[in-house]
Amino acid sequence: MALSALTGAARFESAMAVRPLARSAHFMVHHLAINQLSTGNVPPLSQAVDESVDNPVDNRTEMANLRLGLVVPKRHARRSVTRTLVKVQIRAGMRRHLDSLVAGDWVVRLRAPIDRKQFPSARSEALAALLHAEIDVLLGDAARRARRAQAQAASASAATRAA
């Protein structure tokens, strides 16, 4: 499964409109599954129209992608070095959990401030360790819940087809 960037305000809005999948002390994760996406079977925007007519796109490869969006507001992490550290830790966590995550749009949002009194250095080892541990627990929980939701949707779909 490939990890790519989630771009466009509309995609962020649609992913964040979904109820949060998991929360932790500092973060919140939203997931919009492939079957909920309006563009689930559409080829990538970068592909030219002529190419799409001449070479049909295998939609399974497009559908197997994870798109990651990050929201790290300045009001919660005042220093740019801290915001960069948070983003790096989130991306690394997503790569660590890539095999267990369900395809679709994922938005990870920093929802609580980083305490400057507890972490006076903008980029300390203690802050990196805290973020690493919190993101691992958060993404593990989110992956478990996303797989459960996907299995429920698949069984509901199979039940409606059988009826």
N, C-alpha and C. Protein backbone atom coordinates (compact mmCIF):
# COMPACT_ATOMS: atom_id res chain seq x y z
N MET A 1 0.85 -1.17 0.00
CA MET A 1 0.00 0.00 0.00
C MET A 1 0.90 1.23 0.00
N ALA A 2 0.54 2.22 -0.77
CA ALA A 2 1.34 3.43 -0.90
C ALA A 2 0.76 4.55 -0.04
N LEU A 3 1.64 5.39 0.47
CA LEU A 3 1.24 6.53 1.28
C LEU A 3 1.49 7.79 0.47
N SER A 4 0.44 8.59 0.28
CA SER A 4 0.58 9.83 -0.46
C SER A 4 -0.05 10.96 0.34
N ALA A 5 0.18 12.17 -0.11
CA ALA A 5 -0.32 13.35 0.60
C ALA A 5 -1.77 13.62 0.24
N LEU A 6 -2.53 13.99 1.23
CA LEU A 6 -3.91 14.42 1.02
C LEU A 6 -3.86 15.91 0.72
N THR A 7 -4.37 16.29 -0.43
CA THR A 7 -4.32 17.70 -0.83
C THR A 7 -5.72 18.19 -1.14
N GLY A 8 -5.90 19.46 -0.97
CA GLY A 8 -7.18 20.07 -1.29
C GLY A 8 -8.07 20.23 -0.08
N ALA A 9 -8.60 21.41 0.07
CA ALA A 9 -9.43 21.73 1.23
C ALA A 9 -10.68 20.86 1.28
N ALA A 10 -11.25 20.55 0.13
CA ALA A 10 -12.48 19.75 0.09
C ALA A 10 -12.24 18.34 0.63
N ARG A 11 -11.09 17.77 0.30
CA ARG A 11 -10.77 16.43 0.80
C ARG A 11 -10.55 16.44 2.30
N PHE A 12 -9.88 17.48 2.81
CA PHE A 12 -9.70 17.62 4.25
C PHE A 12 -11.05 17.76 4.94
N GLU A 13 -11.90 18.60 4.39
CA GLU A 13 -13.21 18.84 4.98
C GLU A 13 -14.05 17.57 5.01
N SER A 14 -14.04 16.81 3.92
CA SER A 14 -14.84 15.59 3.89
C SER A 14 -14.30 14.55 4.87
N ALA A 15 -12.99 14.44 5.00
CA ALA A 15 -12.42 13.49 5.95
C ALA A 15 -12.67 13.93 7.39
N MET A 16 -12.59 15.22 7.66
CA MET A 16 -12.78 15.70 9.02
C MET A 16 -14.26 15.81 9.40
N ALA A 17 -15.15 15.68 8.43
CA ALA A 17 -16.58 15.68 8.72
C ALA A 17 -17.02 14.35 9.33
N VAL A 18 -16.22 13.32 9.10
CA VAL A 18 -16.50 12.01 9.66
C VAL A 18 -16.12 12.01 11.14
N ARG A 19 -16.88 11.29 11.93
CA ARG A 19 -16.60 11.18 13.36
C ARG A 19 -15.16 10.68 13.58
N PRO A 20 -14.44 11.25 14.55
CA PRO A 20 -13.06 10.81 14.78
C PRO A 20 -12.99 9.32 15.09
N LEU A 21 -11.99 8.69 14.53
CA LEU A 21 -11.81 7.25 14.71
C LEU A 21 -11.11 6.94 16.03
N ALA A 22 -10.16 7.80 16.40
CA ALA A 22 -9.42 7.58 17.65
C ALA A 22 -8.93 8.93 18.17
N ARG A 23 -8.73 8.98 19.49
CA ARG A 23 -8.22 10.19 20.14
C ARG A 23 -7.16 9.81 21.15
N SER A 24 -6.27 10.75 21.39
CA SER A 24 -5.29 10.60 22.46
C SER A 24 -5.19 11.95 23.16
N ALA A 25 -4.23 12.08 24.04
CA ALA A 25 -4.09 13.33 24.79
C ALA A 25 -3.85 14.53 23.87
N HIS A 26 -3.07 14.33 22.81
CA HIS A 26 -2.73 15.45 21.92
C HIS A 26 -3.31 15.35 20.52
N PHE A 27 -3.76 14.16 20.10
CA PHE A 27 -4.12 13.96 18.69
C PHE A 27 -5.53 13.41 18.53
N MET A 28 -6.01 13.57 17.29
CA MET A 28 -7.29 13.02 16.87
C MET A 28 -7.10 12.51 15.44
N VAL A 29 -7.69 11.35 15.15
CA VAL A 29 -7.55 10.75 13.82
C VAL A 29 -8.93 10.62 13.19
N HIS A 30 -9.04 11.09 11.95
CA HIS A 30 -10.25 10.92 11.14
C HIS A 30 -9.90 10.01 9.98
N HIS A 31 -10.84 9.15 9.60
CA HIS A 31 -10.62 8.26 8.46
C HIS A 31 -11.86 8.23 7.60
N LEU A 32 -11.65 8.43 6.32
CA LEU A 32 -12.72 8.33 5.33
C LEU A 32 -12.36 7.15 4.44
N ALA A 33 -13.14 6.08 4.54
CA ALA A 33 -12.84 4.84 3.81
C ALA A 33 -13.04 5.04 2.31
N ILE A 34 -12.43 4.16 1.55
CA ILE A 34 -12.52 4.20 0.09
C ILE A 34 -13.97 4.16 -0.38
N ASN A 35 -14.80 3.32 0.23
CA ASN A 35 -16.19 3.21 -0.23
C ASN A 35 -17.00 4.46 0.08
N GLN A 36 -16.50 5.34 0.94
CA GLN A 36 -17.19 6.60 1.23
C GLN A 36 -16.69 7.74 0.35
N LEU A 37 -15.59 7.51 -0.35
CA LEU A 37 -15.03 8.55 -1.21
C LEU A 37 -15.83 8.67 -2.49
N SER A 38 -16.07 9.88 -2.91
CA SER A 38 -16.79 10.08 -4.17
C SER A 38 -15.88 9.81 -5.36
N THR A 39 -14.56 9.83 -5.13
CA THR A 39 -13.60 9.63 -6.22
C THR A 39 -12.89 8.29 -6.09
N GLY A 40 -13.51 7.30 -5.47
CA GLY A 40 -12.86 6.03 -5.22
C GLY A 40 -12.39 5.31 -6.46
N ASN A 41 -13.08 5.41 -7.57
CA ASN A 41 -12.69 4.68 -8.78
C ASN A 41 -12.20 5.59 -9.89
N VAL A 42 -11.84 6.79 -9.58
CA VAL A 42 -11.38 7.74 -10.58
C VAL A 42 -9.87 7.70 -10.67
N PRO A 43 -9.29 7.72 -11.88
CA PRO A 43 -7.84 7.72 -12.00
C PRO A 43 -7.24 8.99 -11.38
N PRO A 44 -5.95 8.96 -11.04
CA PRO A 44 -5.31 10.13 -10.45
C PRO A 44 -5.43 11.36 -11.34
N LEU A 45 -5.52 12.53 -10.70
CA LEU A 45 -5.69 13.77 -11.46
C LEU A 45 -4.50 14.07 -12.36
N SER A 46 -3.33 13.59 -11.99
CA SER A 46 -2.14 13.90 -12.78
C SER A 46 -2.12 13.16 -14.12
N GLN A 47 -2.97 12.18 -14.27
CA GLN A 47 -2.97 11.41 -15.52
C GLN A 47 -3.74 12.16 -16.60
N ALA A 48 -3.17 12.23 -17.76
CA ALA A 48 -3.81 12.95 -18.87
C ALA A 48 -5.01 12.17 -19.39
N VAL A 49 -5.95 12.90 -19.97
CA VAL A 49 -7.17 12.28 -20.49
C VAL A 49 -6.83 11.31 -21.62
N ASP A 50 -5.91 11.70 -22.49
CA ASP A 50 -5.54 10.82 -23.61
C ASP A 50 -4.96 9.51 -23.11
N GLU A 51 -4.15 9.57 -22.06
CA GLU A 51 -3.56 8.36 -21.51
C GLU A 51 -4.63 7.45 -20.93
N SER A 52 -5.62 8.05 -20.30
CA SER A 52 -6.65 7.22 -19.66
C SER A 52 -7.51 6.51 -20.71
N VAL A 53 -7.65 7.09 -21.89
CA VAL A 53 -8.41 6.43 -22.95
C VAL A 53 -7.60 5.31 -23.57
N ASP A 54 -6.31 5.58 -23.82
CA ASP A 54 -5.45 4.59 -24.46
C ASP A 54 -5.05 3.46 -23.51
N ASN A 55 -4.78 3.81 -22.25
CA ASN A 55 -4.32 2.83 -21.27
C ASN A 55 -5.28 2.81 -20.08
N PRO A 56 -6.15 1.81 -20.03
CA PRO A 56 -7.08 1.77 -18.89
C PRO A 56 -6.32 1.65 -17.58
N VAL A 57 -6.83 2.31 -16.56
CA VAL A 57 -6.18 2.33 -15.25
C VAL A 57 -6.71 1.17 -14.43
N ASP A 58 -5.82 0.50 -13.73
CA ASP A 58 -6.23 -0.55 -12.82
C ASP A 58 -6.68 0.12 -11.53
N ASN A 59 -7.98 0.16 -11.29
CA ASN A 59 -8.53 0.87 -10.14
C ASN A 59 -8.12 0.26 -8.81
N ARG A 60 -7.74 -1.00 -8.81
CA ARG A 60 -7.33 -1.61 -7.55
C ARG A 60 -6.07 -0.95 -7.01
N THR A 61 -5.16 -0.52 -7.88
CA THR A 61 -3.95 0.14 -7.38
C THR A 61 -4.28 1.51 -6.83
N GLU A 62 -5.20 2.23 -7.45
CA GLU A 62 -5.62 3.54 -6.94
C GLU A 62 -6.35 3.38 -5.62
N MET A 63 -7.16 2.33 -5.51
CA MET A 63 -7.95 2.14 -4.31
C MET A 63 -7.11 1.66 -3.13
N ALA A 64 -5.92 1.12 -3.40
CA ALA A 64 -5.08 0.60 -2.32
C ALA A 64 -4.22 1.70 -1.70
N ASN A 65 -4.44 2.94 -2.07
CA ASN A 65 -3.62 4.02 -1.55
C ASN A 65 -4.18 4.59 -0.27
N LEU A 66 -3.27 5.06 0.54
CA LEU A 66 -3.58 5.82 1.74
C LEU A 66 -3.19 7.25 1.47
N ARG A 67 -4.09 8.17 1.73
CA ARG A 67 -3.75 9.59 1.62
C ARG A 67 -3.75 10.16 3.03
N LEU A 68 -2.65 10.81 3.37
CA LEU A 68 -2.47 11.33 4.72
C LEU A 68 -2.50 12.85 4.71
N GLY A 69 -3.33 13.40 5.57
CA GLY A 69 -3.38 14.84 5.77
C GLY A 69 -3.00 15.16 7.21
N LEU A 70 -2.23 16.21 7.40
CA LEU A 70 -1.78 16.61 8.72
C LEU A 70 -2.31 17.99 9.05
N VAL A 71 -2.82 18.15 10.26
CA VAL A 71 -3.27 19.46 10.73
C VAL A 71 -2.53 19.72 12.04
N VAL A 72 -1.57 20.62 11.98
CA VAL A 72 -0.78 20.97 13.16
C VAL A 72 -0.85 22.49 13.30
N PRO A 73 -1.85 22.99 14.03
CA PRO A 73 -2.05 24.43 14.12
C PRO A 73 -0.99 25.14 14.96
N LYS A 74 -0.73 26.36 14.60
CA LYS A 74 0.25 27.17 15.29
C LYS A 74 -0.17 27.45 16.74
N ARG A 75 -1.45 27.49 16.99
CA ARG A 75 -1.90 27.79 18.36
C ARG A 75 -1.56 26.66 19.32
N HIS A 76 -1.36 25.43 18.81
CA HIS A 76 -1.02 24.31 19.68
C HIS A 76 0.47 24.02 19.72
N ALA A 77 1.20 24.42 18.72
CA ALA A 77 2.66 24.25 18.69
C ALA A 77 3.23 25.56 18.14
N ARG A 78 3.57 26.47 19.02
CA ARG A 78 3.95 27.82 18.62
C ARG A 78 5.22 27.88 17.78
N ARG A 79 6.17 27.02 18.09
CA ARG A 79 7.46 27.08 17.39
C ARG A 79 7.45 26.19 16.15
N SER A 80 7.99 26.69 15.08
CA SER A 80 7.98 25.95 13.81
C SER A 80 8.78 24.65 13.93
N VAL A 81 9.82 24.64 14.72
CA VAL A 81 10.61 23.43 14.91
C VAL A 81 9.75 22.33 15.56
N THR A 82 8.92 22.73 16.50
CA THR A 82 8.03 21.77 17.16
C THR A 82 6.98 21.26 16.19
N ARG A 83 6.42 22.14 15.38
CA ARG A 83 5.42 21.71 14.39
C ARG A 83 6.04 20.73 13.39
N THR A 84 7.26 21.00 12.98
CA THR A 84 7.95 20.10 12.06
C THR A 84 8.20 18.75 12.72
N LEU A 85 8.62 18.76 13.98
CA LEU A 85 8.84 17.51 14.71
C LEU A 85 7.56 16.70 14.80
N VAL A 86 6.45 17.34 15.08
CA VAL A 86 5.16 16.65 15.16
C VAL A 86 4.82 16.01 13.82
N LYS A 87 4.99 16.75 12.74
CA LYS A 87 4.67 16.22 11.41
C LYS A 87 5.57 15.04 11.05
N VAL A 88 6.86 15.15 11.35
CA VAL A 88 7.79 14.06 11.07
C VAL A 88 7.41 12.81 11.86
N GLN A 89 7.06 12.98 13.12
CA GLN A 89 6.67 11.85 13.95
C GLN A 89 5.38 11.20 13.44
N ILE A 90 4.42 12.01 13.00
CA ILE A 90 3.16 11.45 12.47
C ILE A 90 3.43 10.65 11.20
N ARG A 91 4.22 11.21 10.29
CA ARG A 91 4.53 10.49 9.04
C ARG A 91 5.27 9.19 9.32
N ALA A 92 6.22 9.22 10.25
CA ALA A 92 6.97 8.01 10.61
C ALA A 92 6.02 6.98 11.23
N GLY A 93 5.11 7.43 12.07
CA GLY A 93 4.13 6.51 12.66
C GLY A 93 3.23 5.89 11.61
N MET A 94 2.81 6.68 10.63
CA MET A 94 1.98 6.14 9.55
C MET A 94 2.75 5.09 8.75
N ARG A 95 4.03 5.34 8.50
CA ARG A 95 4.84 4.35 7.77
C ARG A 95 5.00 3.07 8.60
N ARG A 96 5.16 3.20 9.92
CA ARG A 96 5.29 2.02 10.77
C ARG A 96 4.00 1.18 10.77
N HIS A 97 2.86 1.82 10.69
CA HIS A 97 1.57 1.13 10.76
C HIS A 97 0.93 0.93 9.38
N LEU A 98 1.67 1.16 8.33
CA LEU A 98 1.12 1.13 6.98
C LEU A 98 0.45 -0.21 6.64
N ASP A 99 1.03 -1.31 7.09
CA ASP A 99 0.47 -2.62 6.77
C ASP A 99 -0.87 -2.88 7.46
N SER A 100 -1.09 -2.26 8.60
CA SER A 100 -2.32 -2.52 9.35
C SER A 100 -3.43 -1.51 9.07
N LEU A 101 -3.12 -0.43 8.35
CA LEU A 101 -4.11 0.61 8.09
C LEU A 101 -4.96 0.28 6.88
N VAL A 102 -6.20 0.76 6.90
CA VAL A 102 -7.16 0.55 5.83
C VAL A 102 -7.01 1.67 4.81
N ALA A 103 -7.16 1.36 3.54
CA ALA A 103 -7.04 2.37 2.49
C ALA A 103 -8.11 3.45 2.64
N GLY A 104 -7.76 4.66 2.21
CA GLY A 104 -8.68 5.78 2.28
C GLY A 104 -7.95 7.06 2.65
N ASP A 105 -8.71 8.06 3.04
CA ASP A 105 -8.15 9.34 3.46
C ASP A 105 -8.02 9.36 4.98
N TRP A 106 -6.84 9.68 5.47
CA TRP A 106 -6.57 9.76 6.89
C TRP A 106 -6.14 11.19 7.22
N VAL A 107 -6.72 11.76 8.25
CA VAL A 107 -6.30 13.09 8.72
C VAL A 107 -5.94 12.95 10.19
N VAL A 108 -4.71 13.32 10.52
CA VAL A 108 -4.25 13.32 11.90
C VAL A 108 -4.13 14.77 12.31
N ARG A 109 -4.79 15.11 13.42
CA ARG A 109 -4.87 16.51 13.85
C ARG A 109 -4.33 16.65 15.26
N LEU A 110 -3.46 17.64 15.46
CA LEU A 110 -3.01 18.00 16.79
C LEU A 110 -4.13 18.80 17.43
N ARG A 111 -4.68 18.29 18.53
CA ARG A 111 -5.87 18.93 19.11
C ARG A 111 -5.62 19.57 20.46
N ALA A 112 -4.43 19.40 21.02
CA ALA A 112 -4.11 19.98 22.32
C ALA A 112 -2.71 20.58 22.26
N PRO A 113 -2.48 21.65 23.00
CA PRO A 113 -1.17 22.31 22.94
C PRO A 113 -0.05 21.45 23.51
N ILE A 114 1.14 21.65 22.96
CA ILE A 114 2.36 21.06 23.49
C ILE A 114 2.82 22.00 24.61
N ASP A 115 2.98 21.47 25.80
CA ASP A 115 3.31 22.29 26.97
C ASP A 115 4.76 22.78 26.88
N ARG A 116 4.93 24.09 26.75
CA ARG A 116 6.28 24.66 26.63
C ARG A 116 7.03 24.62 27.96
N LYS A 117 6.30 24.55 29.08
CA LYS A 117 6.97 24.46 30.38
C LYS A 117 7.54 23.06 30.60
N GLN A 118 6.83 22.06 30.13
CA GLN A 118 7.30 20.68 30.26
C GLN A 118 8.41 20.39 29.26
N PHE A 119 8.33 21.00 28.08
CA PHE A 119 9.33 20.79 27.03
C PHE A 119 9.89 22.14 26.60
N PRO A 120 10.84 22.70 27.37
CA PRO A 120 11.36 24.03 27.04
C PRO A 120 12.13 24.07 25.71
N SER A 121 12.74 22.95 25.35
CA SER A 121 13.44 22.88 24.07
C SER A 121 12.42 22.61 22.97
N ALA A 122 12.55 23.30 21.86
CA ALA A 122 11.59 23.14 20.77
C ALA A 122 11.64 21.75 20.16
N ARG A 123 12.81 21.12 20.21
CA ARG A 123 12.97 19.78 19.63
C ARG A 123 13.83 18.95 20.58
N SER A 124 13.21 18.44 21.61
CA SER A 124 13.95 17.65 22.58
C SER A 124 13.71 16.16 22.36
N GLU A 125 14.61 15.35 22.87
CA GLU A 125 14.46 13.90 22.79
C GLU A 125 13.25 13.44 23.59
N ALA A 126 12.99 14.10 24.70
CA ALA A 126 11.84 13.74 25.53
C ALA A 126 10.53 13.98 24.79
N LEU A 127 10.44 15.10 24.09
CA LEU A 127 9.23 15.40 23.31
C LEU A 127 9.08 14.41 22.17
N ALA A 128 10.18 14.09 21.48
CA ALA A 128 10.12 13.13 20.38
C ALA A 128 9.68 11.76 20.88
N ALA A 129 10.18 11.34 22.05
CA ALA A 129 9.79 10.05 22.61
C ALA A 129 8.32 10.04 23.01
N LEU A 130 7.85 11.13 23.60
CA LEU A 130 6.43 11.23 23.96
C LEU A 130 5.54 11.15 22.73
N LEU A 131 5.88 11.91 21.69
CA LEU A 131 5.09 11.90 20.46
C LEU A 131 5.11 10.52 19.81
N HIS A 132 6.28 9.90 19.77
CA HIS A 132 6.43 8.57 19.17
C HIS A 132 5.50 7.57 19.85
N ALA A 133 5.54 7.53 21.17
CA ALA A 133 4.72 6.58 21.93
C ALA A 133 3.23 6.87 21.76
N GLU A 134 2.85 8.14 21.84
CA GLU A 134 1.44 8.50 21.73
C GLU A 134 0.89 8.21 20.33
N ILE A 135 1.67 8.49 19.32
CA ILE A 135 1.23 8.26 17.94
C ILE A 135 1.12 6.76 17.66
N ASP A 136 2.03 5.95 18.20
CA ASP A 136 1.94 4.50 18.00
C ASP A 136 0.67 3.93 18.61
N VAL A 137 0.35 4.34 19.83
CA VAL A 137 -0.87 3.85 20.47
C VAL A 137 -2.10 4.34 19.70
N LEU A 138 -2.09 5.61 19.30
CA LEU A 138 -3.21 6.20 18.57
C LEU A 138 -3.46 5.49 17.25
N LEU A 139 -2.42 5.28 16.46
CA LEU A 139 -2.58 4.65 15.15
C LEU A 139 -2.92 3.17 15.27
N GLY A 140 -2.40 2.51 16.28
CA GLY A 140 -2.78 1.11 16.51
C GLY A 140 -4.27 0.98 16.80
N ASP A 141 -4.76 1.87 17.65
CA ASP A 141 -6.19 1.90 17.98
C ASP A 141 -7.03 2.25 16.74
N ALA A 142 -6.58 3.25 15.99
CA ALA A 142 -7.31 3.67 14.79
C ALA A 142 -7.34 2.56 13.74
N ALA A 143 -6.23 1.86 13.56
CA ALA A 143 -6.18 0.78 12.58
C ALA A 143 -7.13 -0.34 12.97
N ARG A 144 -7.16 -0.68 14.25
CA ARG A 144 -8.06 -1.73 14.73
C ARG A 144 -9.52 -1.34 14.49
N ARG A 145 -9.87 -0.11 14.81
CA ARG A 145 -11.25 0.34 14.62
C ARG A 145 -11.62 0.43 13.14
N ALA A 146 -10.68 0.86 12.30
CA ALA A 146 -10.96 0.97 10.86
C ALA A 146 -11.16 -0.41 10.25
N ARG A 147 -10.35 -1.38 10.66
CA ARG A 147 -10.53 -2.75 10.15
C ARG A 147 -11.87 -3.32 10.59
N ARG A 148 -12.26 -3.05 11.83
CA ARG A 148 -13.55 -3.53 12.34
C ARG A 148 -14.70 -2.90 11.54
N ALA A 149 -14.61 -1.60 11.29
CA ALA A 149 -15.66 -0.92 10.51
C ALA A 149 -15.71 -1.45 9.08
N GLN A 150 -14.55 -1.72 8.50
CA GLN A 150 -14.50 -2.25 7.14
C GLN A 150 -15.12 -3.64 7.09
N ALA A 151 -14.85 -4.48 8.09
CA ALA A 151 -15.43 -5.83 8.13
C ALA A 151 -16.94 -5.76 8.30
N GLN A 152 -17.41 -4.82 9.13
CA GLN A 152 -18.86 -4.68 9.31
C GLN A 152 -19.53 -4.21 8.03
N ALA A 153 -18.88 -3.28 7.33
CA ALA A 153 -19.45 -2.79 6.07
C ALA A 153 -19.47 -3.90 5.02
N ALA A 154 -18.44 -4.73 4.99
CA ALA A 154 -18.39 -5.83 4.03
C ALA A 154 -19.46 -6.87 4.34
N SER A 155 -19.66 -7.18 5.61
CA SER A 155 -20.69 -8.17 5.96
C SER A 155 -22.09 -7.62 5.70
N ALA A 156 -22.29 -6.34 5.93
CA ALA A 156 -23.59 -5.72 5.64
C ALA A 156 -23.86 -5.73 4.14
N SER A 157 -22.82 -5.45 3.36
CA SER A 157 -22.94 -5.45 1.91
C SER A 157 -23.26 -6.86 1.40
N ALA A 158 -22.60 -7.86 1.96
CA ALA A 158 -22.85 -9.25 1.57
C ALA A 158 -24.26 -9.66 1.95
N ALA A 159 -24.73 -9.20 3.08
CA ALA A 159 -26.09 -9.55 3.53
C ALA A 159 -27.15 -8.92 2.61
N THR A 160 -26.92 -7.70 2.15
CA THR A 160 -27.88 -7.06 1.26
C THR A 160 -27.86 -7.70 -0.12
N ARG A 161 -26.69 -8.17 -0.56
CA ARG A 161 -26.64 -8.86 -1.86
C ARG A 161 -27.31 -10.23 -1.79
N ALA A 162 -27.20 -10.89 -0.64
CA ALA A 162 -27.81 -12.21 -0.49
C ALA A 162 -29.33 -12.12 -0.38
N ALA A 163 -29.83 -11.00 0.11
CA ALA A 163 -31.27 -10.86 0.32
C ALA A 163 -32.01 -10.52 -0.95
